[in-house]
């Protein structure tokens, strides 16, 4: 579960990421789409449809906190196709850095992590590489911290660094 402060802060962590979409026809800010996807993932949603359904279930106040577009006296969440398009096309390195910054701000209470990963079907980048995602769940907080990477080898050094840190400072 995300607190109101966490919801409101999420878009700020994604503001520096370049938008891969054409300027024409953009209805939702990139930071809003990524914040909603991250929020849904942090709340346990897996897959584009689950993220979209989670977004649709948000109340008006939560939509406002995420920075959703205001139209006809209501806040509108991005559609399934917008969420999917953005997550496939966003630069995974920039997304990873933004998520790391959020994790540094809100994820300090976990001493150990459970890590899982998979390859996403039909998520091919411009170079023909499949997208790989990894989730790290904090044992103490039960919070899911997610990284997105094109290359699974990109993830390993962070996991090994975390493991070395845990070896030096084991949980009691």
C-alpha atoms as a PDB file:
ATOM      1  CA  UNK A   1       0.000   0.000   0.000  1.00  0.00           C
ATOM      2  CA  UNK A   2       1.331   3.438  -0.914  1.00  0.00           C
ATOM      3  CA  UNK A   3       0.895   6.387   1.386  1.00  0.00           C
ATOM      4  CA  UNK A   4      -0.495   9.678   0.064  1.00  0.00           C
ATOM      5  CA  UNK A   5       2.990  11.203   0.307  1.00  0.00           C
ATOM      6  CA  UNK A   6       4.544   8.339  -1.673  1.00  0.00           C
ATOM      7  CA  UNK A   7       1.871   8.665  -4.378  1.00  0.00           C
ATOM      8  CA  UNK A   8       2.410  12.386  -4.670  1.00  0.00           C
ATOM      9  CA  UNK A   9       6.205  12.057  -4.733  1.00  0.00           C
ATOM     10  CA  UNK A  10       6.444   9.318  -7.389  1.00  0.00           C
ATOM     11  CA  UNK A  11       5.948  11.540 -10.472  1.00  0.00           C
ATOM     12  CA  UNK A  12       8.778  13.827  -9.332  1.00  0.00           C
ATOM     13  CA  UNK A  13      11.266  10.952  -9.573  1.00  0.00           C
ATOM     14  CA  UNK A  14      10.392  10.442 -13.276  1.00  0.00           C
ATOM     15  CA  UNK A  15      10.383  14.090 -14.452  1.00  0.00           C
ATOM     16  CA  UNK A  16      13.943  13.965 -15.827  1.00  0.00           C
ATOM     17  CA  UNK A  17      13.313  10.934 -18.071  1.00  0.00           C
ATOM     18  CA  UNK A  18      13.129  11.852 -21.788  1.00  0.00           C
ATOM     19  CA  UNK A  19       9.740  11.050 -23.308  1.00  0.00           C
ATOM     20  CA  UNK A  20      10.125   8.529 -26.173  1.00  0.00           C
ATOM     21  CA  UNK A  21       6.694   9.400 -27.606  1.00  0.00           C
ATOM     22  CA  UNK A  22       6.008  11.923 -30.361  1.00  0.00           C
ATOM     23  CA  UNK A  23       4.971  15.308 -29.022  1.00  0.00           C
ATOM     24  CA  UNK A  24       1.782  15.275 -31.092  1.00  0.00           C
ATOM     25  CA  UNK A  25      -1.154  13.639 -29.316  1.00  0.00           C
ATOM     26  CA  UNK A  26       0.396  13.219 -25.864  1.00  0.00           C
ATOM     27  CA  UNK A  27      -2.460  13.277 -23.403  1.00  0.00           C
ATOM     28  CA  UNK A  28      -0.639  12.227 -20.246  1.00  0.00           C
ATOM     29  CA  UNK A  29       2.693  13.374 -18.877  1.00  0.00           C
ATOM     30  CA  UNK A  30       5.384  10.687 -18.986  1.00  0.00           C
ATOM     31  CA  UNK A  31       6.032  11.173 -15.259  1.00  0.00           C
ATOM     32  CA  UNK A  32       2.359  10.428 -14.518  1.00  0.00           C
ATOM     33  CA  UNK A  33       2.273   7.247 -16.616  1.00  0.00           C
ATOM     34  CA  UNK A  34       5.501   5.950 -15.058  1.00  0.00           C
ATOM     35  CA  UNK A  35       4.379   6.890 -11.536  1.00  0.00           C
ATOM     36  CA  UNK A  36       1.118   4.997 -11.960  1.00  0.00           C
ATOM     37  CA  UNK A  37       2.949   1.953 -13.361  1.00  0.00           C
ATOM     38  CA  UNK A  38       5.472   2.069 -10.499  1.00  0.00           C
ATOM     39  CA  UNK A  39       2.720   2.546  -7.920  1.00  0.00           C
ATOM     40  CA  UNK A  40       0.763  -0.403  -9.287  1.00  0.00           C
ATOM     41  CA  UNK A  41       3.883  -2.573  -9.297  1.00  0.00           C
ATOM     42  CA  UNK A  42       4.711  -1.536  -5.727  1.00  0.00           C
ATOM     43  CA  UNK A  43       1.186  -2.625  -4.795  1.00  0.00           C
ATOM     44  CA  UNK A  44       1.727  -6.070  -6.326  1.00  0.00           C
ATOM     45  CA  UNK A  45       0.272  -5.655  -9.819  1.00  0.00           C
ATOM     46  CA  UNK A  46       1.976  -7.678 -12.567  1.00  0.00           C
ATOM     47  CA  UNK A  47       1.441  -7.079 -16.263  1.00  0.00           C
ATOM     48  CA  UNK A  48       0.002  -4.280 -18.339  1.00  0.00           C
ATOM     49  CA  UNK A  49      -3.649  -5.213 -17.793  1.00  0.00           C
ATOM     50  CA  UNK A  50      -3.250  -5.444 -14.017  1.00  0.00           C
ATOM     51  CA  UNK A  51      -1.490  -2.067 -13.956  1.00  0.00           C
ATOM     52  CA  UNK A  52      -4.260  -0.533 -16.071  1.00  0.00           C
ATOM     53  CA  UNK A  53      -6.997  -2.046 -13.890  1.00  0.00           C
ATOM     54  CA  UNK A  54      -5.241  -0.738 -10.771  1.00  0.00           C
ATOM     55  CA  UNK A  55      -5.074   2.739 -12.320  1.00  0.00           C
ATOM     56  CA  UNK A  56      -8.791   2.638 -13.194  1.00  0.00           C
ATOM     57  CA  UNK A  57      -9.606   1.692  -9.598  1.00  0.00           C
ATOM     58  CA  UNK A  58      -7.875   4.792  -8.197  1.00  0.00           C
ATOM     59  CA  UNK A  59     -10.144   7.363  -6.610  1.00  0.00           C
ATOM     60  CA  UNK A  60     -10.152  10.976  -7.762  1.00  0.00           C
ATOM     61  CA  UNK A  61      -7.890  12.111  -4.899  1.00  0.00           C
ATOM     62  CA  UNK A  62      -5.271   9.426  -5.730  1.00  0.00           C
ATOM     63  CA  UNK A  63      -5.455  10.364  -9.414  1.00  0.00           C
ATOM     64  CA  UNK A  64      -4.822  13.978  -8.468  1.00  0.00           C
ATOM     65  CA  UNK A  65      -1.784  12.955  -6.376  1.00  0.00           C
ATOM     66  CA  UNK A  66      -0.308  11.084  -9.334  1.00  0.00           C
ATOM     67  CA  UNK A  67      -0.770  14.169 -11.502  1.00  0.00           C
ATOM     68  CA  UNK A  68      -3.400  12.737 -13.857  1.00  0.00           C
ATOM     69  CA  UNK A  69      -4.925  14.904 -16.570  1.00  0.00           C
ATOM     70  CA  UNK A  70      -7.960  16.921 -15.452  1.00  0.00           C
ATOM     71  CA  UNK A  71     -10.844  16.981 -17.933  1.00  0.00           C
ATOM     72  CA  UNK A  72     -14.579  17.613 -17.508  1.00  0.00           C
ATOM     73  CA  UNK A  73     -14.230  18.023 -13.726  1.00  0.00           C
ATOM     74  CA  UNK A  74     -12.506  14.644 -13.240  1.00  0.00           C
ATOM     75  CA  UNK A  75      -9.006  13.206 -13.309  1.00  0.00           C
ATOM     76  CA  UNK A  76      -8.375  10.762 -16.166  1.00  0.00           C
ATOM     77  CA  UNK A  77      -5.890   7.867 -15.904  1.00  0.00           C
ATOM     78  CA  UNK A  78      -3.837   6.664 -18.892  1.00  0.00           C
ATOM     79  CA  UNK A  79      -5.322   3.818 -20.907  1.00  0.00           C
ATOM     80  CA  UNK A  80      -3.913   0.289 -21.126  1.00  0.00           C
ATOM     81  CA  UNK A  81      -2.393   1.031 -24.544  1.00  0.00           C
ATOM     82  CA  UNK A  82      -0.660   4.194 -23.279  1.00  0.00           C
ATOM     83  CA  UNK A  83       0.747   2.381 -20.242  1.00  0.00           C
ATOM     84  CA  UNK A  84       1.987  -0.509 -22.392  1.00  0.00           C
ATOM     85  CA  UNK A  85       3.474   1.779 -25.051  1.00  0.00           C
ATOM     86  CA  UNK A  86       5.332   3.894 -22.499  1.00  0.00           C
ATOM     87  CA  UNK A  87       6.721   0.915 -20.564  1.00  0.00           C
ATOM     88  CA  UNK A  88       7.982  -0.748 -23.735  1.00  0.00           C
ATOM     89  CA  UNK A  89       9.567   2.411 -25.160  1.00  0.00           C
ATOM     90  CA  UNK A  90      11.012   4.196 -22.121  1.00  0.00           C
ATOM     91  CA  UNK A  91      14.781   3.995 -21.718  1.00  0.00           C
ATOM     92  CA  UNK A  92      15.350   1.243 -19.111  1.00  0.00           C
ATOM     93  CA  UNK A  93      18.532   2.874 -17.784  1.00  0.00           C
ATOM     94  CA  UNK A  94      16.709   6.139 -17.038  1.00  0.00           C
ATOM     95  CA  UNK A  95      13.811   4.237 -15.473  1.00  0.00           C
ATOM     96  CA  UNK A  96      16.206   2.196 -13.362  1.00  0.00           C
ATOM     97  CA  UNK A  97      17.934   5.336 -12.059  1.00  0.00           C
ATOM     98  CA  UNK A  98      14.622   6.985 -11.169  1.00  0.00           C
ATOM     99  CA  UNK A  99      13.466   3.885  -9.309  1.00  0.00           C
ATOM    100  CA  UNK A 100      16.774   3.725  -7.458  1.00  0.00           C
ATOM    101  CA  UNK A 101      16.317   7.335  -6.328  1.00  0.00           C
ATOM    102  CA  UNK A 102      12.809   6.546  -5.078  1.00  0.00           C
ATOM    103  CA  UNK A 103      14.151   3.451  -3.335  1.00  0.00           C
ATOM    104  CA  UNK A 104      16.848   5.515  -1.607  1.00  0.00           C
ATOM    105  CA  UNK A 105      14.219   7.937  -0.362  1.00  0.00           C
ATOM    106  CA  UNK A 106      11.645   5.366   0.809  1.00  0.00           C
ATOM    107  CA  UNK A 107      13.285   1.925   0.998  1.00  0.00           C
ATOM    108  CA  UNK A 108      15.822   2.292   3.791  1.00  0.00           C
ATOM    109  CA  UNK A 109      14.040   0.044   6.285  1.00  0.00           C
ATOM    110  CA  UNK A 110      14.835  -3.299   4.610  1.00  0.00           C
ATOM    111  CA  UNK A 111      17.874  -5.307   5.668  1.00  0.00           C
ATOM    112  CA  UNK A 112      17.387  -8.073   3.100  1.00  0.00           C
ATOM    113  CA  UNK A 113      15.661  -8.572  -0.245  1.00  0.00           C
ATOM    114  CA  UNK A 114      13.969 -11.416  -2.114  1.00  0.00           C
ATOM    115  CA  UNK A 115      14.743 -11.153  -5.835  1.00  0.00           C
ATOM    116  CA  UNK A 116      12.816 -12.505  -8.835  1.00  0.00           C
ATOM    117  CA  UNK A 117      12.936 -11.757 -12.556  1.00  0.00           C
ATOM    118  CA  UNK A 118      11.482 -12.675 -15.932  1.00  0.00           C
ATOM    119  CA  UNK A 119      11.543 -11.889 -19.642  1.00  0.00           C
ATOM    120  CA  UNK A 120       8.559  -9.903 -20.919  1.00  0.00           C
ATOM    121  CA  UNK A 121       6.780 -11.346 -23.952  1.00  0.00           C
ATOM    122  CA  UNK A 122       6.365  -9.061 -26.980  1.00  0.00           C
ATOM    123  CA  UNK A 123       8.475  -6.290 -25.426  1.00  0.00           C
ATOM    124  CA  UNK A 124      11.206  -5.823 -28.011  1.00  0.00           C
ATOM    125  CA  UNK A 125      13.322  -2.665 -28.146  1.00  0.00           C
ATOM    126  CA  UNK A 126      14.663  -0.902 -31.255  1.00  0.00           C
ATOM    127  CA  UNK A 127      17.742  -3.160 -31.337  1.00  0.00           C
ATOM    128  CA  UNK A 128      15.618  -6.333 -31.222  1.00  0.00           C
ATOM    129  CA  UNK A 129      16.391  -7.185 -27.589  1.00  0.00           C
ATOM    130  CA  UNK A 130      13.725  -8.508 -25.261  1.00  0.00           C
ATOM    131  CA  UNK A 131      13.026  -6.579 -22.082  1.00  0.00           C
ATOM    132  CA  UNK A 132      13.886  -8.259 -18.803  1.00  0.00           C
ATOM    133  CA  UNK A 133      12.469  -7.113 -15.496  1.00  0.00           C
ATOM    134  CA  UNK A 134      13.568  -7.822 -11.971  1.00  0.00           C
ATOM    135  CA  UNK A 135      11.711  -7.328  -8.722  1.00  0.00           C
ATOM    136  CA  UNK A 136      13.333  -7.045  -5.335  1.00  0.00           C
ATOM    137  CA  UNK A 137      10.993  -7.344  -2.348  1.00  0.00           C
ATOM    138  CA  UNK A 138      12.024  -6.104   1.071  1.00  0.00           C
ATOM    139  CA  UNK A 139      11.575  -8.683   3.809  1.00  0.00           C
ATOM    140  CA  UNK A 140      10.813  -6.143   6.526  1.00  0.00           C
ATOM    141  CA  UNK A 141       8.604  -3.700   4.614  1.00  0.00           C
ATOM    142  CA  UNK A 142       7.060  -6.185   2.129  1.00  0.00           C
ATOM    143  CA  UNK A 143       7.597  -3.443  -0.468  1.00  0.00           C
ATOM    144  CA  UNK A 144       8.469  -4.371  -4.043  1.00  0.00           C
ATOM    145  CA  UNK A 145      11.332  -2.363  -5.551  1.00  0.00           C
ATOM    146  CA  UNK A 146      11.462  -2.952  -9.286  1.00  0.00           C
ATOM    147  CA  UNK A 147      14.195  -2.475 -11.870  1.00  0.00           C
ATOM    148  CA  UNK A 148      13.730  -2.782 -15.598  1.00  0.00           C
ATOM    149  CA  UNK A 149      16.643  -3.804 -17.766  1.00  0.00           C
ATOM    150  CA  UNK A 150      17.256  -4.810 -21.352  1.00  0.00           C
ATOM    151  CA  UNK A 151      20.205  -7.033 -20.440  1.00  0.00           C
ATOM    152  CA  UNK A 152      20.007  -9.453 -17.492  1.00  0.00           C
ATOM    153  CA  UNK A 153      23.760  -9.011 -16.931  1.00  0.00           C
ATOM    154  CA  UNK A 154      23.020  -5.326 -16.169  1.00  0.00           C
ATOM    155  CA  UNK A 155      21.141  -6.448 -13.048  1.00  0.00           C
ATOM    156  CA  UNK A 156      23.692  -8.863 -11.563  1.00  0.00           C
ATOM    157  CA  UNK A 157      26.260  -6.337 -10.265  1.00  0.00           C
ATOM    158  CA  UNK A 158      23.607  -4.589  -8.160  1.00  0.00           C
ATOM    159  CA  UNK A 159      22.413  -7.885  -6.718  1.00  0.00           C
ATOM    160  CA  UNK A 160      25.965  -8.949  -5.938  1.00  0.00           C
ATOM    161  CA  UNK A 161      26.714  -5.569  -4.337  1.00  0.00           C
ATOM    162  CA  UNK A 162      23.619  -5.909  -2.163  1.00  0.00           C
ATOM    163  CA  UNK A 163      24.657  -9.459  -1.219  1.00  0.00           C
ATOM    164  CA  UNK A 164      28.178  -8.328  -0.284  1.00  0.00           C
ATOM    165  CA  UNK A 165      26.645  -5.629   1.899  1.00  0.00           C
ATOM    166  CA  UNK A 166      24.394  -8.229   3.558  1.00  0.00           C
ATOM    167  CA  UNK A 167      27.390 -10.532   4.135  1.00  0.00           C
ATOM    168  CA  UNK A 168      29.178  -7.725   5.960  1.00  0.00           C
ATOM    169  CA  UNK A 169      26.093  -6.734   7.936  1.00  0.00           C
ATOM    170  CA  UNK A 170      23.930  -9.857   8.401  1.00  0.00           C
ATOM    171  CA  UNK A 171      20.441  -9.456   9.807  1.00  0.00           C
ATOM    172  CA  UNK A 172      20.179 -10.454  13.443  1.00  0.00           C
END
